[in-house]
Amino acid sequence: MSEVQIAQRGPYAVDVVAGQDYFWCRCGRSGKQPFCDGSHQGTDLRPLKLHAERSETLYFCGCKHSQTPPLCDGTHNDL
């Protein structure tokens, strides 16, 4: 399995729009954090799709170690 890189030690607050799909970066290599830009190529890591059911602010995991991906669960506090 490929090594996950910590993009930041805290969540990314994102205003999502109802009905839109978002592709969360699992690998930590993307230059468009917290979303995928294809930088995972050559790894066995793939982005995780989130479909926004309603418009709201969500907190996407930045450390890539959350147990509730793609959303932050506070795991970054223990890294």
PDB file of N, CA and C in Angstrom:
ATOM      1  N   MET A   1       0.842  -1.195   0.000  1.00  0.00           N
ATOM      2  CA  MET A   1       0.000   0.000   0.000  1.00  0.00           C
ATOM      3  C   MET A   1       0.876   1.244   0.000  1.00  0.00           C
ATOM      4  N   SER A   2       0.431   2.275  -0.680  1.00  0.00           N
ATOM      5  CA  SER A   2       1.185   3.517  -0.783  1.00  0.00           C
ATOM      6  C   SER A   2       1.064   4.341   0.489  1.00  0.00           C
ATOM      7  N   GLU A   3       2.102   5.103   0.761  1.00  0.00           N
ATOM      8  CA  GLU A   3       2.154   5.964   1.942  1.00  0.00           C
ATOM      9  C   GLU A   3       1.290   7.207   1.744  1.00  0.00           C
ATOM     10  N   VAL A   4       0.470   7.500   2.746  1.00  0.00           N
ATOM     11  CA  VAL A   4      -0.367   8.699   2.745  1.00  0.00           C
ATOM     12  C   VAL A   4       0.461   9.861   3.280  1.00  0.00           C
ATOM     13  N   GLN A   5       0.372  11.013   2.631  1.00  0.00           N
ATOM     14  CA  GLN A   5       1.058  12.216   3.091  1.00  0.00           C
ATOM     15  C   GLN A   5       0.067  13.125   3.805  1.00  0.00           C
ATOM     16  N   ILE A   6       0.484  13.692   4.915  1.00  0.00           N
ATOM     17  CA  ILE A   6      -0.359  14.641   5.638  1.00  0.00           C
ATOM     18  C   ILE A   6      -0.335  15.970   4.892  1.00  0.00           C
ATOM     19  N   ALA A   7      -1.496  16.416   4.421  1.00  0.00           N
ATOM     20  CA  ALA A   7      -1.580  17.687   3.699  1.00  0.00           C
ATOM     21  C   ALA A   7      -1.563  18.857   4.680  1.00  0.00           C
ATOM     22  N   GLN A   8      -2.300  18.726   5.785  1.00  0.00           N
ATOM     23  CA  GLN A   8      -2.269  19.716   6.864  1.00  0.00           C
ATOM     24  C   GLN A   8      -2.840  19.077   8.120  1.00  0.00           C
ATOM     25  N   ARG A   9      -2.426  19.568   9.252  1.00  0.00           N
ATOM     26  CA  ARG A   9      -2.872  19.014  10.538  1.00  0.00           C
ATOM     27  C   ARG A   9      -4.099  19.761  11.048  1.00  0.00           C
ATOM     28  N   GLY A  10      -5.159  19.629  10.291  1.00  0.00           N
ATOM     29  CA  GLY A  10      -6.429  20.260  10.616  1.00  0.00           C
ATOM     30  C   GLY A  10      -7.357  20.112   9.430  1.00  0.00           C
ATOM     31  N   PRO A  11      -8.640  20.384   9.637  1.00  0.00           N
ATOM     32  CA  PRO A  11      -9.606  20.223   8.556  1.00  0.00           C
ATOM     33  C   PRO A  11      -9.631  21.407   7.588  1.00  0.00           C
ATOM     34  N   TYR A  12     -10.216  21.157   6.434  1.00  0.00           N
ATOM     35  CA  TYR A  12     -10.496  22.186   5.436  1.00  0.00           C
ATOM     36  C   TYR A  12     -11.993  22.464   5.488  1.00  0.00           C
ATOM     37  N   ALA A  13     -12.377  23.682   5.795  1.00  0.00           N
ATOM     38  CA  ALA A  13     -13.796  24.066   5.782  1.00  0.00           C
ATOM     39  C   ALA A  13     -14.192  24.370   4.342  1.00  0.00           C
ATOM     40  N   VAL A  14     -15.216  23.668   3.857  1.00  0.00           N
ATOM     41  CA  VAL A  14     -15.649  23.828   2.461  1.00  0.00           C
ATOM     42  C   VAL A  14     -17.159  24.006   2.435  1.00  0.00           C
ATOM     43  N   ASP A  15     -17.613  25.032   1.738  1.00  0.00           N
ATOM     44  CA  ASP A  15     -19.046  25.233   1.521  1.00  0.00           C
ATOM     45  C   ASP A  15     -19.442  24.386   0.319  1.00  0.00           C
ATOM     46  N   VAL A  16     -20.118  23.262   0.581  1.00  0.00           N
ATOM     47  CA  VAL A  16     -20.547  22.378  -0.501  1.00  0.00           C
ATOM     48  C   VAL A  16     -21.934  22.789  -0.978  1.00  0.00           C
ATOM     49  N   VAL A  17     -22.240  22.422  -2.212  1.00  0.00           N
ATOM     50  CA  VAL A  17     -23.503  22.783  -2.852  1.00  0.00           C
ATOM     51  C   VAL A  17     -24.324  21.512  -3.071  1.00  0.00           C
ATOM     52  N   ALA A  18     -25.586  21.554  -2.664  1.00  0.00           N
ATOM     53  CA  ALA A  18     -26.482  20.405  -2.813  1.00  0.00           C
ATOM     54  C   ALA A  18     -26.470  19.888  -4.245  1.00  0.00           C
ATOM     55  N   GLY A  19     -26.363  18.574  -4.379  1.00  0.00           N
ATOM     56  CA  GLY A  19     -26.389  17.937  -5.684  1.00  0.00           C
ATOM     57  C   GLY A  19     -25.039  17.806  -6.362  1.00  0.00           C
ATOM     58  N   GLN A  20     -24.009  18.452  -5.827  1.00  0.00           N
ATOM     59  CA  GLN A  20     -22.674  18.398  -6.427  1.00  0.00           C
ATOM     60  C   GLN A  20     -21.875  17.218  -5.871  1.00  0.00           C
ATOM     61  N   ASP A  21     -20.957  16.691  -6.686  1.00  0.00           N
ATOM     62  CA  ASP A  21     -20.029  15.651  -6.256  1.00  0.00           C
ATOM     63  C   ASP A  21     -18.674  16.274  -5.971  1.00  0.00           C
ATOM     64  N   TYR A  22     -18.030  15.783  -4.939  1.00  0.00           N
ATOM     65  CA  TYR A  22     -16.707  16.251  -4.530  1.00  0.00           C
ATOM     66  C   TYR A  22     -15.813  15.029  -4.383  1.00  0.00           C
ATOM     67  N   PHE A  23     -14.575  15.126  -4.858  1.00  0.00           N
ATOM     68  CA  PHE A  23     -13.649  14.002  -4.812  1.00  0.00           C
ATOM     69  C   PHE A  23     -12.482  14.352  -3.890  1.00  0.00           C
ATOM     70  N   TRP A  24     -12.558  13.815  -2.672  1.00  0.00           N
ATOM     71  CA  TRP A  24     -11.575  14.089  -1.614  1.00  0.00           C
ATOM     72  C   TRP A  24     -10.278  13.349  -1.889  1.00  0.00           C
ATOM     73  N   CYS A  25      -9.180  14.046  -1.780  1.00  0.00           N
ATOM     74  CA  CYS A  25      -7.848  13.472  -1.960  1.00  0.00           C
ATOM     75  C   CYS A  25      -7.518  12.569  -0.776  1.00  0.00           C
ATOM     76  N   ARG A  26      -7.254  11.292  -1.038  1.00  0.00           N
ATOM     77  CA  ARG A  26      -6.855  10.346   0.016  1.00  0.00           C
ATOM     78  C   ARG A  26      -5.346  10.314   0.221  1.00  0.00           C
ATOM     79  N   CYS A  27      -4.591  10.660  -0.809  1.00  0.00           N
ATOM     80  CA  CYS A  27      -3.138  10.455  -0.766  1.00  0.00           C
ATOM     81  C   CYS A  27      -2.375  11.598  -0.100  1.00  0.00           C
ATOM     82  N   GLY A  28      -2.942  12.800  -0.107  1.00  0.00           N
ATOM     83  CA  GLY A  28      -2.269  13.965   0.472  1.00  0.00           C
ATOM     84  C   GLY A  28      -1.343  14.678  -0.492  1.00  0.00           C
ATOM     85  N   ARG A  29      -1.242  14.223  -1.720  1.00  0.00           N
ATOM     86  CA  ARG A  29      -0.302  14.787  -2.689  1.00  0.00           C
ATOM     87  C   ARG A  29      -0.906  15.904  -3.556  1.00  0.00           C
ATOM     88  N   SER A  30      -2.214  16.030  -3.577  1.00  0.00           N
ATOM     89  CA  SER A  30      -2.890  16.985  -4.452  1.00  0.00           C
ATOM     90  C   SER A  30      -2.487  18.430  -4.154  1.00  0.00           C
ATOM     91  N   GLY A  31      -2.369  19.201  -5.191  1.00  0.00           N
ATOM     92  CA  GLY A  31      -2.120  20.634  -5.049  1.00  0.00           C
ATOM     93  C   GLY A  31      -3.410  21.425  -4.904  1.00  0.00           C
ATOM     94  N   LYS A  32      -4.553  20.727  -4.947  1.00  0.00           N
ATOM     95  CA  LYS A  32      -5.866  21.369  -4.833  1.00  0.00           C
ATOM     96  C   LYS A  32      -6.590  20.871  -3.581  1.00  0.00           C
ATOM     97  N   GLN A  33      -5.875  20.717  -2.491  1.00  0.00           N
ATOM     98  CA  GLN A  33      -6.450  20.192  -1.252  1.00  0.00           C
ATOM     99  C   GLN A  33      -7.701  20.954  -0.836  1.00  0.00           C
ATOM    100  N   PRO A  34      -8.696  20.253  -0.324  1.00  0.00           N
ATOM    101  CA  PRO A  34      -8.688  18.845   0.060  1.00  0.00           C
ATOM    102  C   PRO A  34      -9.125  17.914  -1.063  1.00  0.00           C
ATOM    103  N   PHE A  35      -9.157  18.431  -2.290  1.00  0.00           N
ATOM    104  CA  PHE A  35      -9.698  17.656  -3.392  1.00  0.00           C
ATOM    105  C   PHE A  35      -8.612  17.095  -4.298  1.00  0.00           C
ATOM    106  N   CYS A  36      -8.977  16.071  -5.036  1.00  0.00           N
ATOM    107  CA  CYS A  36      -8.065  15.344  -5.910  1.00  0.00           C
ATOM    108  C   CYS A  36      -7.723  16.155  -7.160  1.00  0.00           C
ATOM    109  N   ASP A  37      -6.441  16.095  -7.551  1.00  0.00           N
ATOM    110  CA  ASP A  37      -6.012  16.679  -8.827  1.00  0.00           C
ATOM    111  C   ASP A  37      -5.298  15.640  -9.690  1.00  0.00           C
ATOM    112  N   GLY A  38      -5.396  14.361  -9.285  1.00  0.00           N
ATOM    113  CA  GLY A  38      -4.772  13.286 -10.049  1.00  0.00           C
ATOM    114  C   GLY A  38      -3.364  12.937  -9.604  1.00  0.00           C
ATOM    115  N   SER A  39      -2.863  13.592  -8.559  1.00  0.00           N
ATOM    116  CA  SER A  39      -1.500  13.352  -8.094  1.00  0.00           C
ATOM    117  C   SER A  39      -1.287  11.957  -7.505  1.00  0.00           C
ATOM    118  N   HIS A  40      -2.360  11.214  -7.321  1.00  0.00           N
ATOM    119  CA  HIS A  40      -2.246   9.858  -6.780  1.00  0.00           C
ATOM    120  C   HIS A  40      -1.772   8.859  -7.829  1.00  0.00           C
ATOM    121  N   GLN A  41      -1.664   9.278  -9.080  1.00  0.00           N
ATOM    122  CA  GLN A  41      -1.232   8.369 -10.145  1.00  0.00           C
ATOM    123  C   GLN A  41       0.073   7.693  -9.752  1.00  0.00           C
ATOM    124  N   GLY A  42       0.130   6.382  -9.948  1.00  0.00           N
ATOM    125  CA  GLY A  42       1.316   5.614  -9.572  1.00  0.00           C
ATOM    126  C   GLY A  42       1.241   5.054  -8.163  1.00  0.00           C
ATOM    127  N   THR A  43       0.151   5.345  -7.455  1.00  0.00           N
ATOM    128  CA  THR A  43      -0.071   4.794  -6.117  1.00  0.00           C
ATOM    129  C   THR A  43      -1.301   3.896  -6.175  1.00  0.00           C
ATOM    130  N   ASP A  44      -1.571   3.201  -5.076  1.00  0.00           N
ATOM    131  CA  ASP A  44      -2.801   2.403  -5.023  1.00  0.00           C
ATOM    132  C   ASP A  44      -3.919   3.167  -4.321  1.00  0.00           C
ATOM    133  N   LEU A  45      -3.733   4.457  -4.101  1.00  0.00           N
ATOM    134  CA  LEU A  45      -4.729   5.307  -3.449  1.00  0.00           C
ATOM    135  C   LEU A  45      -5.600   5.990  -4.498  1.00  0.00           C
ATOM    136  N   ARG A  46      -6.887   6.057  -4.228  1.00  0.00           N
ATOM    137  CA  ARG A  46      -7.834   6.692  -5.138  1.00  0.00           C
ATOM    138  C   ARG A  46      -8.687   7.685  -4.351  1.00  0.00           C
ATOM    139  N   PRO A  47      -9.216   8.722  -5.009  1.00  0.00           N
ATOM    140  CA  PRO A  47     -10.047   9.695  -4.296  1.00  0.00           C
ATOM    141  C   PRO A  47     -11.354   9.069  -3.816  1.00  0.00           C
ATOM    142  N   LEU A  48     -11.956   9.710  -2.826  1.00  0.00           N
ATOM    143  CA  LEU A  48     -13.238   9.276  -2.279  1.00  0.00           C
ATOM    144  C   LEU A  48     -14.302  10.297  -2.675  1.00  0.00           C
ATOM    145  N   LYS A  49     -15.365   9.807  -3.292  1.00  0.00           N
ATOM    146  CA  LYS A  49     -16.452  10.678  -3.754  1.00  0.00           C
ATOM    147  C   LYS A  49     -17.422  10.973  -2.610  1.00  0.00           C
ATOM    148  N   LEU A  50     -17.772  12.247  -2.476  1.00  0.00           N
ATOM    149  CA  LEU A  50     -18.819  12.675  -1.564  1.00  0.00           C
ATOM    150  C   LEU A  50     -19.877  13.385  -2.398  1.00  0.00           C
ATOM    151  N   HIS A  51     -21.118  12.953  -2.281  1.00  0.00           N
ATOM    152  CA  HIS A  51     -22.233  13.619  -2.956  1.00  0.00           C
ATOM    153  C   HIS A  51     -22.945  14.472  -1.913  1.00  0.00           C
ATOM    154  N   ALA A  52     -22.963  15.786  -2.121  1.00  0.00           N
ATOM    155  CA  ALA A  52     -23.591  16.706  -1.166  1.00  0.00           C
ATOM    156  C   ALA A  52     -25.107  16.599  -1.261  1.00  0.00           C
ATOM    157  N   GLU A  53     -25.725  16.199  -0.178  1.00  0.00           N
ATOM    158  CA  GLU A  53     -27.184  16.092  -0.125  1.00  0.00           C
ATOM    159  C   GLU A  53     -27.835  17.459   0.082  1.00  0.00           C
ATOM    160  N   ARG A  54     -27.110  18.351   0.751  1.00  0.00           N
ATOM    161  CA  ARG A  54     -27.625  19.706   0.972  1.00  0.00           C
ATOM    162  C   ARG A  54     -26.461  20.692   0.988  1.00  0.00           C
ATOM    163  N   SER A  55     -26.760  21.940   0.790  1.00  0.00           N
ATOM    164  CA  SER A  55     -25.740  22.986   0.843  1.00  0.00           C
ATOM    165  C   SER A  55     -25.428  23.279   2.301  1.00  0.00           C
ATOM    166  N   GLU A  56     -24.149  23.181   2.654  1.00  0.00           N
ATOM    167  CA  GLU A  56     -23.704  23.395   4.031  1.00  0.00           C
ATOM    168  C   GLU A  56     -22.189  23.473   4.063  1.00  0.00           C
ATOM    169  N   THR A  57     -21.626  23.838   5.198  1.00  0.00           N
ATOM    170  CA  THR A  57     -20.185  23.820   5.382  1.00  0.00           C
ATOM    171  C   THR A  57     -19.793  22.471   5.962  1.00  0.00           C
ATOM    172  N   LEU A  58     -18.872  21.793   5.284  1.00  0.00           N
ATOM    173  CA  LEU A  58     -18.339  20.524   5.769  1.00  0.00           C
ATOM    174  C   LEU A  58     -16.852  20.699   6.058  1.00  0.00           C
ATOM    175  N   TYR A  59     -16.336  19.877   6.942  1.00  0.00           N
ATOM    176  CA  TYR A  59     -14.931  19.951   7.345  1.00  0.00           C
ATOM    177  C   TYR A  59     -14.226  18.684   6.859  1.00  0.00           C
ATOM    178  N   PHE A  60     -13.528  18.840   5.724  1.00  0.00           N
ATOM    179  CA  PHE A  60     -12.827  17.722   5.107  1.00  0.00           C
ATOM    180  C   PHE A  60     -11.490  17.484   5.806  1.00  0.00           C
ATOM    181  N   CYS A  61     -11.169  16.228   6.011  1.00  0.00           N
ATOM    182  CA  CYS A  61      -9.933  15.837   6.682  1.00  0.00           C
ATOM    183  C   CYS A  61      -8.714  16.311   5.894  1.00  0.00           C
ATOM    184  N   GLY A  62      -7.776  16.920   6.596  1.00  0.00           N
ATOM    185  CA  GLY A  62      -6.528  17.368   5.979  1.00  0.00           C
ATOM    186  C   GLY A  62      -5.365  16.446   6.268  1.00  0.00           C
ATOM    187  N   CYS A  63      -5.455  15.678   7.362  1.00  0.00           N
ATOM    188  CA  CYS A  63      -4.341  14.795   7.733  1.00  0.00           C
ATOM    189  C   CYS A  63      -4.392  13.452   7.016  1.00  0.00           C
ATOM    190  N   LYS A  64      -5.548  13.127   6.427  1.00  0.00           N
ATOM    191  CA  LYS A  64      -5.762  11.900   5.654  1.00  0.00           C
ATOM    192  C   LYS A  64      -5.782  10.640   6.517  1.00  0.00           C
ATOM    193  N   HIS A  65      -5.976  10.791   7.827  1.00  0.00           N
ATOM    194  CA  HIS A  65      -6.011   9.651   8.740  1.00  0.00           C
ATOM    195  C   HIS A  65      -7.351   9.503   9.463  1.00  0.00           C
ATOM    196  N   SER A  66      -8.348  10.303   9.096  1.00  0.00           N
ATOM    197  CA  SER A  66      -9.663  10.249   9.735  1.00  0.00           C
ATOM    198  C   SER A  66     -10.277   8.859   9.640  1.00  0.00           C
ATOM    199  N   GLN A  67     -10.987   8.455  10.679  1.00  0.00           N
ATOM    200  CA  GLN A  67     -11.724   7.201  10.665  1.00  0.00           C
ATOM    201  C   GLN A  67     -13.123   7.395  10.060  1.00  0.00           C
ATOM    202  N   THR A  68     -13.459   8.647   9.705  1.00  0.00           N
ATOM    203  CA  THR A  68     -14.751   8.970   9.085  1.00  0.00           C
ATOM    204  C   THR A  68     -14.536   9.749   7.781  1.00  0.00           C
ATOM    205  N   PRO A  69     -13.690   9.214   6.880  1.00  0.00           N
ATOM    206  CA  PRO A  69     -13.403   9.953   5.649  1.00  0.00           C
ATOM    207  C   PRO A  69     -14.648  10.152   4.801  1.00  0.00           C
ATOM    208  N   PRO A  70     -14.748  11.260   4.109  1.00  0.00           N
ATOM    209  CA  PRO A  70     -13.722  12.265   3.908  1.00  0.00           C
ATOM    210  C   PRO A  70     -13.725  13.377   4.962  1.00  0.00           C
ATOM    211  N   LEU A  71     -14.557  13.234   5.968  1.00  0.00           N
ATOM    212  CA  LEU A  71     -14.706  14.317   6.943  1.00  0.00           C
ATOM    213  C   LEU A  71     -13.760  14.145   8.128  1.00  0.00           C
ATOM    214  N   CYS A  72     -13.391  15.254   8.714  1.00  0.00           N
ATOM    215  CA  CYS A  72     -12.490  15.286   9.860  1.00  0.00           C
ATOM    216  C   CYS A  72     -13.157  14.702  11.096  1.00  0.00           C
ATOM    217  N   ASP A  73     -12.417  13.893  11.853  1.00  0.00           N
ATOM    218  CA  ASP A  73     -12.901  13.362  13.127  1.00  0.00           C
ATOM    219  C   ASP A  73     -11.987  13.744  14.289  1.00  0.00           C
ATOM    220  N   GLY A  74     -11.025  14.642  14.033  1.00  0.00           N
ATOM    221  CA  GLY A  74     -10.126  15.098  15.078  1.00  0.00           C
ATOM    222  C   GLY A  74      -8.865  14.263  15.224  1.00  0.00           C
ATOM    223  N   THR A  75      -8.674  13.255  14.382  1.00  0.00           N
ATOM    224  CA  THR A  75      -7.490  12.401  14.465  1.00  0.00           C
ATOM    225  C   THR A  75      -6.201  13.201  14.380  1.00  0.00           C
ATOM    226  N   HIS A  76      -6.204  14.316  13.662  1.00  0.00           N
ATOM    227  CA  HIS A  76      -4.998  15.134  13.520  1.00  0.00           C
ATOM    228  C   HIS A  76      -4.443  15.574  14.875  1.00  0.00           C
ATOM    229  N   ASN A  77      -5.274  15.630  15.888  1.00  0.00           N
ATOM    230  CA  ASN A  77      -4.809  16.028  17.228  1.00  0.00           C
ATOM    231  C   ASN A  77      -3.891  14.986  17.864  1.00  0.00           C
ATOM    232  N   ASP A  78      -3.928  13.749  17.354  1.00  0.00           N
ATOM    233  CA  ASP A  78      -3.116  12.670  17.909  1.00  0.00           C
ATOM    234  C   ASP A  78      -1.897  12.335  17.071  1.00  0.00           C
ATOM    235  N   LEU A  79      -1.681  13.048  15.987  1.00  0.00           N
ATOM    236  CA  LEU A  79      -0.546  12.747  15.113  1.00  0.00           C
ATOM    237  C   LEU A  79       0.713  13.470  15.550  1.00  0.00           C
TER     238      LEU A  79
END
